[in-house]
């Protein structure tokens, strides 16, 4: 799987970052490829997420399963279809009002219906935008 990592510093408490990160209602506000998201099950590992969005020009509904939930420092999900993807986000409290955010997206680019180079460049831009938008949102700015 190909790996894409973005790091940002947010001028916001770690708890605020966590709350936005794990909220399905907030996902469309910071993830540019998400138009709608919902969750079933209790918050935590094994929670199921249904996401409608567009990636690489394809609109799709996907099922994600939360597989990392260590509040308020680590969150992640995985999906198998239409192609394998894993997201991991680590939050580190720098001080009570500042949080470092590291997001890593792993994607099986060889399973995508477009060229590896095009897919990689597009995904790299989208995860960078997601990181920027997440930080803007927790800082009270419009993404």
C-alpha atoms as a PDB file:
ATOM      1  CA  UNK A   1       0.000   0.000   0.000  1.00  0.00           C
ATOM      2  CA  UNK A   2       1.168   3.513  -0.773  1.00  0.00           C
ATOM      3  CA  UNK A   3       1.453   5.849   2.203  1.00  0.00           C
ATOM      4  CA  UNK A   4       0.679   9.573   2.353  1.00  0.00           C
ATOM      5  CA  UNK A   5       1.381  11.539   5.542  1.00  0.00           C
ATOM      6  CA  UNK A   6       0.589  15.125   6.492  1.00  0.00           C
ATOM      7  CA  UNK A   7       1.554  16.936   9.692  1.00  0.00           C
ATOM      8  CA  UNK A   8       0.027  20.132  11.021  1.00  0.00           C
ATOM      9  CA  UNK A   9      -0.030  22.153  14.231  1.00  0.00           C
ATOM     10  CA  UNK A  10      -3.441  23.321  15.473  1.00  0.00           C
ATOM     11  CA  UNK A  11      -3.945  26.225  17.830  1.00  0.00           C
ATOM     12  CA  UNK A  12      -6.634  24.280  19.662  1.00  0.00           C
ATOM     13  CA  UNK A  13      -6.870  21.923  22.639  1.00  0.00           C
ATOM     14  CA  UNK A  14      -6.453  18.235  21.900  1.00  0.00           C
ATOM     15  CA  UNK A  15     -10.037  17.524  23.034  1.00  0.00           C
ATOM     16  CA  UNK A  16     -11.424  19.962  20.426  1.00  0.00           C
ATOM     17  CA  UNK A  17      -9.337  18.287  17.716  1.00  0.00           C
ATOM     18  CA  UNK A  18     -10.568  14.869  18.833  1.00  0.00           C
ATOM     19  CA  UNK A  19     -14.222  15.896  18.870  1.00  0.00           C
ATOM     20  CA  UNK A  20     -14.109  17.202  15.288  1.00  0.00           C
ATOM     21  CA  UNK A  21     -12.004  14.280  14.058  1.00  0.00           C
ATOM     22  CA  UNK A  22     -14.386  11.554  15.260  1.00  0.00           C
ATOM     23  CA  UNK A  23     -17.668  13.333  14.441  1.00  0.00           C
ATOM     24  CA  UNK A  24     -19.394  11.999  11.294  1.00  0.00           C
ATOM     25  CA  UNK A  25     -21.332  15.281  11.141  1.00  0.00           C
ATOM     26  CA  UNK A  26     -18.074  17.238  10.843  1.00  0.00           C
ATOM     27  CA  UNK A  27     -16.427  14.964   8.244  1.00  0.00           C
ATOM     28  CA  UNK A  28     -17.929  16.768   5.202  1.00  0.00           C
ATOM     29  CA  UNK A  29     -16.631  20.062   6.596  1.00  0.00           C
ATOM     30  CA  UNK A  30     -12.979  19.017   6.622  1.00  0.00           C
ATOM     31  CA  UNK A  31     -12.612  16.044   4.257  1.00  0.00           C
ATOM     32  CA  UNK A  32     -12.971  17.358   0.679  1.00  0.00           C
ATOM     33  CA  UNK A  33     -13.952  13.949  -0.695  1.00  0.00           C
ATOM     34  CA  UNK A  34     -16.834  13.445   1.805  1.00  0.00           C
ATOM     35  CA  UNK A  35     -20.291  14.822   1.037  1.00  0.00           C
ATOM     36  CA  UNK A  36     -22.164  12.862   3.732  1.00  0.00           C
ATOM     37  CA  UNK A  37     -21.214  10.592   6.640  1.00  0.00           C
ATOM     38  CA  UNK A  38     -23.125   8.640   9.259  1.00  0.00           C
ATOM     39  CA  UNK A  39     -22.214   6.189  11.996  1.00  0.00           C
ATOM     40  CA  UNK A  40     -23.813   3.112  13.480  1.00  0.00           C
ATOM     41  CA  UNK A  41     -22.818   1.591  16.772  1.00  0.00           C
ATOM     42  CA  UNK A  42     -21.304   3.103  19.859  1.00  0.00           C
ATOM     43  CA  UNK A  43     -18.240   5.343  19.567  1.00  0.00           C
ATOM     44  CA  UNK A  44     -15.110   3.222  19.646  1.00  0.00           C
ATOM     45  CA  UNK A  45     -13.420   0.354  17.852  1.00  0.00           C
ATOM     46  CA  UNK A  46     -15.756  -1.541  15.494  1.00  0.00           C
ATOM     47  CA  UNK A  47     -18.034   1.468  14.941  1.00  0.00           C
ATOM     48  CA  UNK A  48     -19.281   1.423  11.344  1.00  0.00           C
ATOM     49  CA  UNK A  49     -19.194   4.538   9.185  1.00  0.00           C
ATOM     50  CA  UNK A  50     -21.078   5.016   5.926  1.00  0.00           C
ATOM     51  CA  UNK A  51     -19.554   7.726   3.774  1.00  0.00           C
ATOM     52  CA  UNK A  52     -20.749   9.177   0.489  1.00  0.00           C
ATOM     53  CA  UNK A  53     -18.105  10.999  -1.443  1.00  0.00           C
ATOM     54  CA  UNK A  54     -16.036  11.429  -4.538  1.00  0.00           C
ATOM     55  CA  UNK A  55     -12.464  10.309  -5.067  1.00  0.00           C
ATOM     56  CA  UNK A  56     -10.600  10.419  -8.357  1.00  0.00           C
ATOM     57  CA  UNK A  57     -13.795  11.373 -10.154  1.00  0.00           C
ATOM     58  CA  UNK A  58     -15.791   8.439  -8.825  1.00  0.00           C
ATOM     59  CA  UNK A  59     -18.801   9.068  -6.570  1.00  0.00           C
ATOM     60  CA  UNK A  60     -19.381   6.195  -4.200  1.00  0.00           C
ATOM     61  CA  UNK A  61     -20.856   5.025  -0.921  1.00  0.00           C
ATOM     62  CA  UNK A  62     -18.283   3.238   1.188  1.00  0.00           C
ATOM     63  CA  UNK A  63     -18.333   1.387   4.487  1.00  0.00           C
ATOM     64  CA  UNK A  64     -15.536   2.097   6.930  1.00  0.00           C
ATOM     65  CA  UNK A  65     -14.786   0.333  10.198  1.00  0.00           C
ATOM     66  CA  UNK A  66     -13.125   2.178  13.057  1.00  0.00           C
ATOM     67  CA  UNK A  67     -10.121   0.125  14.139  1.00  0.00           C
ATOM     68  CA  UNK A  68      -8.211   2.628  16.287  1.00  0.00           C
ATOM     69  CA  UNK A  69      -9.911   4.604  19.064  1.00  0.00           C
ATOM     70  CA  UNK A  70      -7.651   5.845  21.830  1.00  0.00           C
ATOM     71  CA  UNK A  71      -9.292   9.092  22.945  1.00  0.00           C
ATOM     72  CA  UNK A  72      -8.018  11.738  22.600  1.00  0.00           C
ATOM     73  CA  UNK A  73      -4.759  10.731  20.897  1.00  0.00           C
ATOM     74  CA  UNK A  74      -5.306   8.138  18.152  1.00  0.00           C
ATOM     75  CA  UNK A  75      -8.077   7.400  15.661  1.00  0.00           C
ATOM     76  CA  UNK A  76      -8.262   5.280  12.562  1.00  0.00           C
ATOM     77  CA  UNK A  77     -10.510   3.411  10.181  1.00  0.00           C
ATOM     78  CA  UNK A  78     -10.159   0.967   7.337  1.00  0.00           C
ATOM     79  CA  UNK A  79     -12.197   0.007   4.318  1.00  0.00           C
ATOM     80  CA  UNK A  80     -11.801  -2.830   1.880  1.00  0.00           C
ATOM     81  CA  UNK A  81     -14.015  -1.832  -1.030  1.00  0.00           C
ATOM     82  CA  UNK A  82     -13.895  -0.525  -3.711  1.00  0.00           C
ATOM     83  CA  UNK A  83     -10.159  -0.529  -2.898  1.00  0.00           C
ATOM     84  CA  UNK A  84      -8.238  -0.975   0.371  1.00  0.00           C
ATOM     85  CA  UNK A  85      -7.679   2.226   2.390  1.00  0.00           C
ATOM     86  CA  UNK A  86      -6.489   2.827   5.967  1.00  0.00           C
ATOM     87  CA  UNK A  87      -6.478   6.142   7.818  1.00  0.00           C
ATOM     88  CA  UNK A  88      -4.547   6.796  11.017  1.00  0.00           C
ATOM     89  CA  UNK A  89      -4.560  10.129  12.847  1.00  0.00           C
ATOM     90  CA  UNK A  90      -2.324  10.828  15.825  1.00  0.00           C
ATOM     91  CA  UNK A  91      -2.942  13.846  18.066  1.00  0.00           C
ATOM     92  CA  UNK A  92      -0.190  15.061  20.398  1.00  0.00           C
ATOM     93  CA  UNK A  93      -0.803  17.747  23.003  1.00  0.00           C
ATOM     94  CA  UNK A  94       1.986  20.315  22.726  1.00  0.00           C
ATOM     95  CA  UNK A  95       0.442  22.430  25.487  1.00  0.00           C
ATOM     96  CA  UNK A  96      -3.156  22.883  26.699  1.00  0.00           C
ATOM     97  CA  UNK A  97      -3.988  25.133  23.709  1.00  0.00           C
ATOM     98  CA  UNK A  98      -1.886  23.522  20.956  1.00  0.00           C
ATOM     99  CA  UNK A  99      -2.082  20.118  19.265  1.00  0.00           C
ATOM    100  CA  UNK A 100       0.118  18.435  16.676  1.00  0.00           C
ATOM    101  CA  UNK A 101      -1.849  16.434  14.109  1.00  0.00           C
ATOM    102  CA  UNK A 102      -0.357  13.675  11.967  1.00  0.00           C
ATOM    103  CA  UNK A 103      -2.594  11.965   9.418  1.00  0.00           C
ATOM    104  CA  UNK A 104      -1.469   8.947   7.429  1.00  0.00           C
ATOM    105  CA  UNK A 105      -3.531   7.513   4.603  1.00  0.00           C
ATOM    106  CA  UNK A 106      -2.556   4.159   3.119  1.00  0.00           C
ATOM    107  CA  UNK A 107      -4.101   3.309  -0.241  1.00  0.00           C
ATOM    108  CA  UNK A 108      -3.647   0.326  -2.546  1.00  0.00           C
ATOM    109  CA  UNK A 109      -3.003   2.453  -5.657  1.00  0.00           C
ATOM    110  CA  UNK A 110      -2.516  -0.608  -7.826  1.00  0.00           C
ATOM    111  CA  UNK A 111      -6.237  -1.342  -7.347  1.00  0.00           C
ATOM    112  CA  UNK A 112      -7.423   2.044  -8.648  1.00  0.00           C
ATOM    113  CA  UNK A 113      -8.806   2.373 -12.186  1.00  0.00           C
ATOM    114  CA  UNK A 114      -6.542   5.314 -13.062  1.00  0.00           C
ATOM    115  CA  UNK A 115      -2.797   5.559 -13.400  1.00  0.00           C
ATOM    116  CA  UNK A 116      -0.709   5.242 -10.260  1.00  0.00           C
ATOM    117  CA  UNK A 117       0.956   8.645 -10.761  1.00  0.00           C
ATOM    118  CA  UNK A 118      -2.362  10.476 -11.292  1.00  0.00           C
ATOM    119  CA  UNK A 119      -3.989   8.692  -8.359  1.00  0.00           C
ATOM    120  CA  UNK A 120      -1.044   9.389  -6.067  1.00  0.00           C
ATOM    121  CA  UNK A 121      -0.937  13.099  -6.905  1.00  0.00           C
ATOM    122  CA  UNK A 122      -4.689  13.467  -6.407  1.00  0.00           C
ATOM    123  CA  UNK A 123      -4.694  11.619  -3.084  1.00  0.00           C
ATOM    124  CA  UNK A 124      -1.680  13.623  -1.875  1.00  0.00           C
ATOM    125  CA  UNK A 125      -3.547  16.884  -2.619  1.00  0.00           C
ATOM    126  CA  UNK A 126      -6.732  15.645  -0.946  1.00  0.00           C
ATOM    127  CA  UNK A 127      -5.051  14.532   2.279  1.00  0.00           C
ATOM    128  CA  UNK A 128      -3.168  17.853   2.426  1.00  0.00           C
ATOM    129  CA  UNK A 129      -6.458  19.730   2.015  1.00  0.00           C
ATOM    130  CA  UNK A 130      -8.091  17.516   4.637  1.00  0.00           C
ATOM    131  CA  UNK A 131      -5.333  18.311   7.136  1.00  0.00           C
ATOM    132  CA  UNK A 132      -5.568  22.048   6.383  1.00  0.00           C
ATOM    133  CA  UNK A 133      -9.366  21.987   6.680  1.00  0.00           C
ATOM    134  CA  UNK A 134      -9.316  20.026   9.952  1.00  0.00           C
ATOM    135  CA  UNK A 135      -6.939  22.540  11.519  1.00  0.00           C
ATOM    136  CA  UNK A 136      -8.981  25.495  10.226  1.00  0.00           C
ATOM    137  CA  UNK A 137     -12.166  23.991  11.638  1.00  0.00           C
ATOM    138  CA  UNK A 138     -10.770  23.358  15.129  1.00  0.00           C
ATOM    139  CA  UNK A 139      -9.243  26.834  15.157  1.00  0.00           C
ATOM    140  CA  UNK A 140     -12.639  28.367  14.416  1.00  0.00           C
ATOM    141  CA  UNK A 141     -11.811  29.373  10.840  1.00  0.00           C
ATOM    142  CA  UNK A 142     -13.811  28.478   7.744  1.00  0.00           C
ATOM    143  CA  UNK A 143     -12.135  25.608   5.884  1.00  0.00           C
END
